[in-house]
Amino acid sequence: MSIYVGNLSYEVSQEDLGEVFSEYGSVQRIYIPKDRETGRVRGFAFVEMQDESDEDKAIEALNGTTWMDRELKVNKAKPRE
């Protein structure tokens, strides 16, 4: 599974997200989509962690918190249709 992280600052980097999520367990992968035309971060990301229990802890701790002057939306990512 992976975690959807929404309402991110456009200044966010993989290192920033890695620091925050590593407090809850081992981070396997971070993907921050960018706009094709501008190359700018689109304001959301996907984080994969080693254990589902770590993902649950991170979601519970981070959803609704303010980080980089933005209120994060953190939940389980829905599978692509």
PDB file of N, CA and C in Angstrom:
ATOM      1  N   MET A   1       0.846  -1.193   0.000  1.00  0.00           N
ATOM      2  CA  MET A   1       0.000   0.000   0.000  1.00  0.00           C
ATOM      3  C   MET A   1       0.881   1.243   0.000  1.00  0.00           C
ATOM      4  N   SER A   2       0.239   2.345  -0.266  1.00  0.00           N
ATOM      5  CA  SER A   2       0.959   3.598  -0.149  1.00  0.00           C
ATOM      6  C   SER A   2       0.042   4.644   0.482  1.00  0.00           C
ATOM      7  N   ILE A   3       0.660   5.731   0.877  1.00  0.00           N
ATOM      8  CA  ILE A   3      -0.029   6.820   1.551  1.00  0.00           C
ATOM      9  C   ILE A   3      -0.125   7.997   0.594  1.00  0.00           C
ATOM     10  N   TYR A   4      -1.309   8.587   0.527  1.00  0.00           N
ATOM     11  CA  TYR A   4      -1.508   9.822  -0.232  1.00  0.00           C
ATOM     12  C   TYR A   4      -1.295  10.982   0.731  1.00  0.00           C
ATOM     13  N   VAL A   5      -0.470  11.946   0.326  1.00  0.00           N
ATOM     14  CA  VAL A   5      -0.219  13.141   1.129  1.00  0.00           C
ATOM     15  C   VAL A   5      -0.615  14.338   0.277  1.00  0.00           C
ATOM     16  N   GLY A   6      -1.687  15.019   0.674  1.00  0.00           N
ATOM     17  CA  GLY A   6      -2.197  16.141  -0.104  1.00  0.00           C
ATOM     18  C   GLY A   6      -2.016  17.475   0.584  1.00  0.00           C
ATOM     19  N   ASN A   7      -2.238  18.538  -0.178  1.00  0.00           N
ATOM     20  CA  ASN A   7      -2.125  19.919   0.265  1.00  0.00           C
ATOM     21  C   ASN A   7      -0.689  20.255   0.672  1.00  0.00           C
ATOM     22  N   LEU A   8       0.270  19.735  -0.091  1.00  0.00           N
ATOM     23  CA  LEU A   8       1.678  20.002   0.183  1.00  0.00           C
ATOM     24  C   LEU A   8       2.100  21.357  -0.366  1.00  0.00           C
ATOM     25  N   SER A   9       3.105  21.915   0.248  1.00  0.00           N
ATOM     26  CA  SER A   9       3.727  23.131  -0.255  1.00  0.00           C
ATOM     27  C   SER A   9       4.377  22.820  -1.604  1.00  0.00           C
ATOM     28  N   TYR A  10       4.412  23.802  -2.483  1.00  0.00           N
ATOM     29  CA  TYR A  10       5.060  23.604  -3.779  1.00  0.00           C
ATOM     30  C   TYR A  10       6.582  23.583  -3.642  1.00  0.00           C
ATOM     31  N   GLU A  11       7.086  23.863  -2.452  1.00  0.00           N
ATOM     32  CA  GLU A  11       8.528  23.878  -2.194  1.00  0.00           C
ATOM     33  C   GLU A  11       9.026  22.546  -1.643  1.00  0.00           C
ATOM     34  N   VAL A  12       8.142  21.571  -1.450  1.00  0.00           N
ATOM     35  CA  VAL A  12       8.500  20.316  -0.793  1.00  0.00           C
ATOM     36  C   VAL A  12       9.471  19.492  -1.640  1.00  0.00           C
ATOM     37  N   SER A  13      10.332  18.740  -0.947  1.00  0.00           N
ATOM     38  CA  SER A  13      11.267  17.843  -1.644  1.00  0.00           C
ATOM     39  C   SER A  13      11.126  16.433  -1.074  1.00  0.00           C
ATOM     40  N   GLN A  14      11.709  15.466  -1.769  1.00  0.00           N
ATOM     41  CA  GLN A  14      11.682  14.092  -1.280  1.00  0.00           C
ATOM     42  C   GLN A  14      12.389  13.994   0.065  1.00  0.00           C
ATOM     43  N   GLU A  15      13.453  14.760   0.238  1.00  0.00           N
ATOM     44  CA  GLU A  15      14.191  14.739   1.501  1.00  0.00           C
ATOM     45  C   GLU A  15      13.313  15.239   2.643  1.00  0.00           C
ATOM     46  N   ASP A  16      12.539  16.305   2.394  1.00  0.00           N
ATOM     47  CA  ASP A  16      11.638  16.845   3.419  1.00  0.00           C
ATOM     48  C   ASP A  16      10.640  15.783   3.869  1.00  0.00           C
ATOM     49  N   LEU A  17       9.979  15.160   2.893  1.00  0.00           N
ATOM     50  CA  LEU A  17       8.988  14.133   3.221  1.00  0.00           C
ATOM     51  C   LEU A  17       9.632  12.924   3.893  1.00  0.00           C
ATOM     52  N   GLY A  18      10.805  12.550   3.440  1.00  0.00           N
ATOM     53  CA  GLY A  18      11.511  11.423   4.030  1.00  0.00           C
ATOM     54  C   GLY A  18      11.808  11.644   5.503  1.00  0.00           C
ATOM     55  N   GLU A  19      12.213  12.866   5.839  1.00  0.00           N
ATOM     56  CA  GLU A  19      12.486  13.195   7.243  1.00  0.00           C
ATOM     57  C   GLU A  19      11.239  13.041   8.097  1.00  0.00           C
ATOM     58  N   VAL A  20      10.130  13.572   7.616  1.00  0.00           N
ATOM     59  CA  VAL A  20       8.887  13.538   8.386  1.00  0.00           C
ATOM     60  C   VAL A  20       8.380  12.107   8.557  1.00  0.00           C
ATOM     61  N   PHE A  21       8.328  11.342   7.479  1.00  0.00           N
ATOM     62  CA  PHE A  21       7.742  10.003   7.543  1.00  0.00           C
ATOM     63  C   PHE A  21       8.672   8.977   8.185  1.00  0.00           C
ATOM     64  N   SER A  22       9.980   9.205   8.158  1.00  0.00           N
ATOM     65  CA  SER A  22      10.903   8.241   8.767  1.00  0.00           C
ATOM     66  C   SER A  22      10.753   8.196  10.287  1.00  0.00           C
ATOM     67  N   GLU A  23      10.122   9.190  10.869  1.00  0.00           N
ATOM     68  CA  GLU A  23       9.851   9.165  12.309  1.00  0.00           C
ATOM     69  C   GLU A  23       8.871   8.045  12.672  1.00  0.00           C
ATOM     70  N   TYR A  24       8.134   7.534  11.683  1.00  0.00           N
ATOM     71  CA  TYR A  24       7.105   6.521  11.932  1.00  0.00           C
ATOM     72  C   TYR A  24       7.485   5.146  11.412  1.00  0.00           C
ATOM     73  N   GLY A  25       8.645   5.015  10.781  1.00  0.00           N
ATOM     74  CA  GLY A  25       9.093   3.729  10.275  1.00  0.00           C
ATOM     75  C   GLY A  25       9.964   3.903   9.041  1.00  0.00           C
ATOM     76  N   SER A  26      10.303   2.784   8.441  1.00  0.00           N
ATOM     77  CA  SER A  26      11.193   2.772   7.282  1.00  0.00           C
ATOM     78  C   SER A  26      10.437   3.173   6.006  1.00  0.00           C
ATOM     79  N   VAL A  27      10.912   4.225   5.356  1.00  0.00           N
ATOM     80  CA  VAL A  27      10.301   4.710   4.111  1.00  0.00           C
ATOM     81  C   VAL A  27      10.935   3.972   2.941  1.00  0.00           C
ATOM     82  N   GLN A  28      10.089   3.349   2.119  1.00  0.00           N
ATOM     83  CA  GLN A  28      10.570   2.596   0.962  1.00  0.00           C
ATOM     84  C   GLN A  28      10.719   3.485  -0.272  1.00  0.00           C
ATOM     85  N   ARG A  29       9.726   4.339  -0.495  1.00  0.00           N
ATOM     86  CA  ARG A  29       9.709   5.121  -1.736  1.00  0.00           C
ATOM     87  C   ARG A  29       8.858   6.366  -1.545  1.00  0.00           C
ATOM     88  N   ILE A  30       9.260   7.451  -2.187  1.00  0.00           N
ATOM     89  CA  ILE A  30       8.484   8.696  -2.184  1.00  0.00           C
ATOM     90  C   ILE A  30       8.361   9.148  -3.636  1.00  0.00           C
ATOM     91  N   TYR A  31       7.141   9.449  -4.043  1.00  0.00           N
ATOM     92  CA  TYR A  31       6.903   9.936  -5.400  1.00  0.00           C
ATOM     93  C   TYR A  31       6.144  11.258  -5.322  1.00  0.00           C
ATOM     94  N   ILE A  32       6.739  12.310  -5.873  1.00  0.00           N
ATOM     95  CA  ILE A  32       6.113  13.634  -5.899  1.00  0.00           C
ATOM     96  C   ILE A  32       5.853  13.985  -7.366  1.00  0.00           C
ATOM     97  N   PRO A  33       4.597  13.889  -7.824  1.00  0.00           N
ATOM     98  CA  PRO A  33       4.294  14.209  -9.220  1.00  0.00           C
ATOM     99  C   PRO A  33       4.560  15.688  -9.536  1.00  0.00           C
ATOM    100  N   LYS A  34       5.039  15.922 -10.753  1.00  0.00           N
ATOM    101  CA  LYS A  34       5.287  17.296 -11.216  1.00  0.00           C
ATOM    102  C   LYS A  34       4.457  17.567 -12.458  1.00  0.00           C
ATOM    103  N   ASP A  35       4.101  18.820 -12.632  1.00  0.00           N
ATOM    104  CA  ASP A  35       3.365  19.248 -13.810  1.00  0.00           C
ATOM    105  C   ASP A  35       4.252  19.056 -15.044  1.00  0.00           C
ATOM    106  N   ARG A  36       3.710  18.459 -16.084  1.00  0.00           N
ATOM    107  CA  ARG A  36       4.494  18.178 -17.292  1.00  0.00           C
ATOM    108  C   ARG A  36       4.993  19.439 -17.983  1.00  0.00           C
ATOM    109  N   GLU A  37       4.157  20.464 -18.003  1.00  0.00           N
ATOM    110  CA  GLU A  37       4.519  21.676 -18.734  1.00  0.00           C
ATOM    111  C   GLU A  37       5.447  22.591 -17.947  1.00  0.00           C
ATOM    112  N   THR A  38       5.173  22.772 -16.660  1.00  0.00           N
ATOM    113  CA  THR A  38       5.950  23.730 -15.871  1.00  0.00           C
ATOM    114  C   THR A  38       7.059  23.078 -15.052  1.00  0.00           C
ATOM    115  N   GLY A  39       6.946  21.773 -14.789  1.00  0.00           N
ATOM    116  CA  GLY A  39       7.927  21.091 -13.960  1.00  0.00           C
ATOM    117  C   GLY A  39       7.753  21.370 -12.477  1.00  0.00           C
ATOM    118  N   ARG A  40       6.699  22.081 -12.132  1.00  0.00           N
ATOM    119  CA  ARG A  40       6.437  22.443 -10.736  1.00  0.00           C
ATOM    120  C   ARG A  40       5.727  21.299 -10.023  1.00  0.00           C
ATOM    121  N   VAL A  41       6.035  21.134  -8.745  1.00  0.00           N
ATOM    122  CA  VAL A  41       5.369  20.131  -7.917  1.00  0.00           C
ATOM    123  C   VAL A  41       3.867  20.403  -7.940  1.00  0.00           C
ATOM    124  N   ARG A  42       3.064  19.335  -7.989  1.00  0.00           N
ATOM    125  CA  ARG A  42       1.612  19.494  -8.118  1.00  0.00           C
ATOM    126  C   ARG A  42       0.881  19.620  -6.787  1.00  0.00           C
ATOM    127  N   GLY A  43       1.584  19.511  -5.669  1.00  0.00           N
ATOM    128  CA  GLY A  43       0.951  19.736  -4.374  1.00  0.00           C
ATOM    129  C   GLY A  43       0.505  18.477  -3.656  1.00  0.00           C
ATOM    130  N   PHE A  44       0.903  17.314  -4.162  1.00  0.00           N
ATOM    131  CA  PHE A  44       0.601  16.061  -3.464  1.00  0.00           C
ATOM    132  C   PHE A  44       1.729  15.073  -3.719  1.00  0.00           C
ATOM    133  N   ALA A  45       1.734  13.989  -2.931  1.00  0.00           N
ATOM    134  CA  ALA A  45       2.785  12.984  -3.068  1.00  0.00           C
ATOM    135  C   ALA A  45       2.259  11.635  -2.603  1.00  0.00           C
ATOM    136  N   PHE A  46       3.029  10.605  -2.908  1.00  0.00           N
ATOM    137  CA  PHE A  46       2.736   9.255  -2.443  1.00  0.00           C
ATOM    138  C   PHE A  46       3.962   8.742  -1.697  1.00  0.00           C
ATOM    139  N   VAL A  47       3.718   8.164  -0.524  1.00  0.00           N
ATOM    140  CA  VAL A  47       4.800   7.635   0.301  1.00  0.00           C
ATOM    141  C   VAL A  47       4.514   6.162   0.564  1.00  0.00           C
ATOM    142  N   GLU A  48       5.499   5.324   0.314  1.00  0.00           N
ATOM    143  CA  GLU A  48       5.374   3.896   0.623  1.00  0.00           C
ATOM    144  C   GLU A  48       6.308   3.582   1.777  1.00  0.00           C
ATOM    145  N   MET A  49       5.752   2.867   2.772  1.00  0.00           N
ATOM    146  CA  MET A  49       6.544   2.490   3.927  1.00  0.00           C
ATOM    147  C   MET A  49       6.656   0.971   3.989  1.00  0.00           C
ATOM    148  N   GLN A  50       7.632   0.494   4.748  1.00  0.00           N
ATOM    149  CA  GLN A  50       7.904  -0.939   4.789  1.00  0.00           C
ATOM    150  C   GLN A  50       6.744  -1.730   5.382  1.00  0.00           C
ATOM    151  N   ASP A  51       6.180  -1.260   6.483  1.00  0.00           N
ATOM    152  CA  ASP A  51       5.111  -1.994   7.159  1.00  0.00           C
ATOM    153  C   ASP A  51       3.809  -1.210   7.134  1.00  0.00           C
ATOM    154  N   GLU A  52       2.711  -1.928   6.970  1.00  0.00           N
ATOM    155  CA  GLU A  52       1.402  -1.284   6.969  1.00  0.00           C
ATOM    156  C   GLU A  52       1.102  -0.635   8.318  1.00  0.00           C
ATOM    157  N   SER A  53       1.593  -1.233   9.392  1.00  0.00           N
ATOM    158  CA  SER A  53       1.366  -0.640  10.718  1.00  0.00           C
ATOM    159  C   SER A  53       2.075   0.710  10.835  1.00  0.00           C
ATOM    160  N   ASP A  54       3.253   0.844  10.198  1.00  0.00           N
ATOM    161  CA  ASP A  54       3.953   2.132  10.180  1.00  0.00           C
ATOM    162  C   ASP A  54       3.156   3.164   9.388  1.00  0.00           C
ATOM    163  N   GLU A  55       2.564   2.723   8.279  1.00  0.00           N
ATOM    164  CA  GLU A  55       1.725   3.624   7.487  1.00  0.00           C
ATOM    165  C   GLU A  55       0.547   4.121   8.311  1.00  0.00           C
ATOM    166  N   ASP A  56      -0.083   3.204   9.035  1.00  0.00           N
ATOM    167  CA  ASP A  56      -1.225   3.583   9.868  1.00  0.00           C
ATOM    168  C   ASP A  56      -0.830   4.601  10.934  1.00  0.00           C
ATOM    169  N   LYS A  57       0.331   4.393  11.561  1.00  0.00           N
ATOM    170  CA  LYS A  57       0.822   5.332  12.574  1.00  0.00           C
ATOM    171  C   LYS A  57       1.068   6.706  11.965  1.00  0.00           C
ATOM    172  N   ALA A  58       1.685   6.739  10.787  1.00  0.00           N
ATOM    173  CA  ALA A  58       1.983   8.008  10.127  1.00  0.00           C
ATOM    174  C   ALA A  58       0.702   8.738   9.741  1.00  0.00           C
ATOM    175  N   ILE A  59      -0.276   8.009   9.214  1.00  0.00           N
ATOM    176  CA  ILE A  59      -1.549   8.611   8.818  1.00  0.00           C
ATOM    177  C   ILE A  59      -2.235   9.221  10.042  1.00  0.00           C
ATOM    178  N   GLU A  60      -2.304   8.453  11.101  1.00  0.00           N
ATOM    179  CA  GLU A  60      -2.976   8.930  12.309  1.00  0.00           C
ATOM    180  C   GLU A  60      -2.279  10.168  12.890  1.00  0.00           C
ATOM    181  N   ALA A  61      -0.951  10.161  12.873  1.00  0.00           N
ATOM    182  CA  ALA A  61      -0.199  11.258  13.473  1.00  0.00           C
ATOM    183  C   ALA A  61      -0.180  12.520  12.603  1.00  0.00           C
ATOM    184  N   LEU A  62      -0.159  12.367  11.285  1.00  0.00           N
ATOM    185  CA  LEU A  62       0.078  13.510  10.409  1.00  0.00           C
ATOM    186  C   LEU A  62      -1.169  14.107   9.769  1.00  0.00           C
ATOM    187  N   ASN A  63      -2.246  13.353   9.630  1.00  0.00           N
ATOM    188  CA  ASN A  63      -3.437  13.874   8.972  1.00  0.00           C
ATOM    189  C   ASN A  63      -3.990  15.066   9.762  1.00  0.00           C
ATOM    190  N   GLY A  64      -4.146  16.188   9.070  1.00  0.00           N
ATOM    191  CA  GLY A  64      -4.698  17.386   9.695  1.00  0.00           C
ATOM    192  C   GLY A  64      -3.675  18.270  10.382  1.00  0.00           C
ATOM    193  N   THR A  65      -2.417  17.840  10.426  1.00  0.00           N
ATOM    194  CA  THR A  65      -1.392  18.668  11.061  1.00  0.00           C
ATOM    195  C   THR A  65      -0.907  19.740  10.085  1.00  0.00           C
ATOM    196  N   THR A  66      -0.356  20.799  10.632  1.00  0.00           N
ATOM    197  CA  THR A  66       0.184  21.877   9.807  1.00  0.00           C
ATOM    198  C   THR A  66       1.677  21.661   9.633  1.00  0.00           C
ATOM    199  N   TRP A  67       2.121  21.662   8.391  1.00  0.00           N
ATOM    200  CA  TRP A  67       3.528  21.482   8.055  1.00  0.00           C
ATOM    201  C   TRP A  67       3.852  22.372   6.861  1.00  0.00           C
ATOM    202  N   MET A  68       4.896  23.143   6.952  1.00  0.00           N
ATOM    203  CA  MET A  68       5.279  24.102   5.901  1.00  0.00           C
ATOM    204  C   MET A  68       4.106  25.041   5.595  1.00  0.00           C
ATOM    205  N   ASP A  69       3.428  25.479   6.653  1.00  0.00           N
ATOM    206  CA  ASP A  69       2.290  26.413   6.563  1.00  0.00           C
ATOM    207  C   ASP A  69       1.095  25.868   5.792  1.00  0.00           C
ATOM    208  N   ARG A  70       0.969  24.558   5.699  1.00  0.00           N
ATOM    209  CA  ARG A  70      -0.161  23.924   5.009  1.00  0.00           C
ATOM    210  C   ARG A  70      -0.748  22.844   5.896  1.00  0.00           C
ATOM    211  N   GLU A  71      -2.084  22.680   5.874  1.00  0.00           N
ATOM    212  CA  GLU A  71      -2.720  21.603   6.633  1.00  0.00           C
ATOM    213  C   GLU A  71      -2.726  20.345   5.772  1.00  0.00           C
ATOM    214  N   LEU A  72      -1.997  19.337   6.223  1.00  0.00           N
ATOM    215  CA  LEU A  72      -1.834  18.110   5.440  1.00  0.00           C
ATOM    216  C   LEU A  72      -3.097  17.263   5.424  1.00  0.00           C
ATOM    217  N   LYS A  73      -3.320  16.620   4.299  1.00  0.00           N
ATOM    218  CA  LYS A  73      -4.349  15.595   4.158  1.00  0.00           C
ATOM    219  C   LYS A  73      -3.592  14.298   3.898  1.00  0.00           C
ATOM    220  N   VAL A  74      -3.642  13.390   4.858  1.00  0.00           N
ATOM    221  CA  VAL A  74      -2.861  12.158   4.778  1.00  0.00           C
ATOM    222  C   VAL A  74      -3.810  10.980   4.957  1.00  0.00           C
ATOM    223  N   ASN A  75      -3.855  10.094   3.949  1.00  0.00           N
ATOM    224  CA  ASN A  75      -4.695   8.904   4.052  1.00  0.00           C
ATOM    225  C   ASN A  75      -4.171   7.811   3.126  1.00  0.00           C
ATOM    226  N   LYS A  76      -4.796   6.632   3.202  1.00  0.00           N
ATOM    227  CA  LYS A  76      -4.403   5.527   2.326  1.00  0.00           C
ATOM    228  C   LYS A  76      -4.669   5.926   0.875  1.00  0.00           C
ATOM    229  N   ALA A  77      -3.712   5.648   0.018  1.00  0.00           N
ATOM    230  CA  ALA A  77      -3.898   5.934  -1.402  1.00  0.00           C
ATOM    231  C   ALA A  77      -4.897   4.947  -1.990  1.00  0.00           C
ATOM    232  N   LYS A  78      -5.774   5.448  -2.825  1.00  0.00           N
ATOM    233  CA  LYS A  78      -6.735   4.576  -3.507  1.00  0.00           C
ATOM    234  C   LYS A  78      -6.068   4.007  -4.756  1.00  0.00           C
ATOM    235  N   PRO A  79      -6.351   2.756  -5.080  1.00  0.00           N
ATOM    236  CA  PRO A  79      -5.759   2.170  -6.288  1.00  0.00           C
ATOM    237  C   PRO A  79      -6.224   2.912  -7.543  1.00  0.00           C
ATOM    238  N   ARG A  80      -5.341   2.979  -8.497  1.00  0.00           N
ATOM    239  CA  ARG A  80      -5.660   3.630  -9.774  1.00  0.00           C
ATOM    240  C   ARG A  80      -6.732   2.830 -10.514  1.00  0.00           C
ATOM    241  N   GLU A  81      -7.676   3.516 -11.101  1.00  0.00           N
ATOM    242  CA  GLU A  81      -8.741   2.804 -11.837  1.00  0.00           C
ATOM    243  C   GLU A  81      -8.470   2.787 -13.314  1.00  0.00           C
TER     244      GLU A  81
END
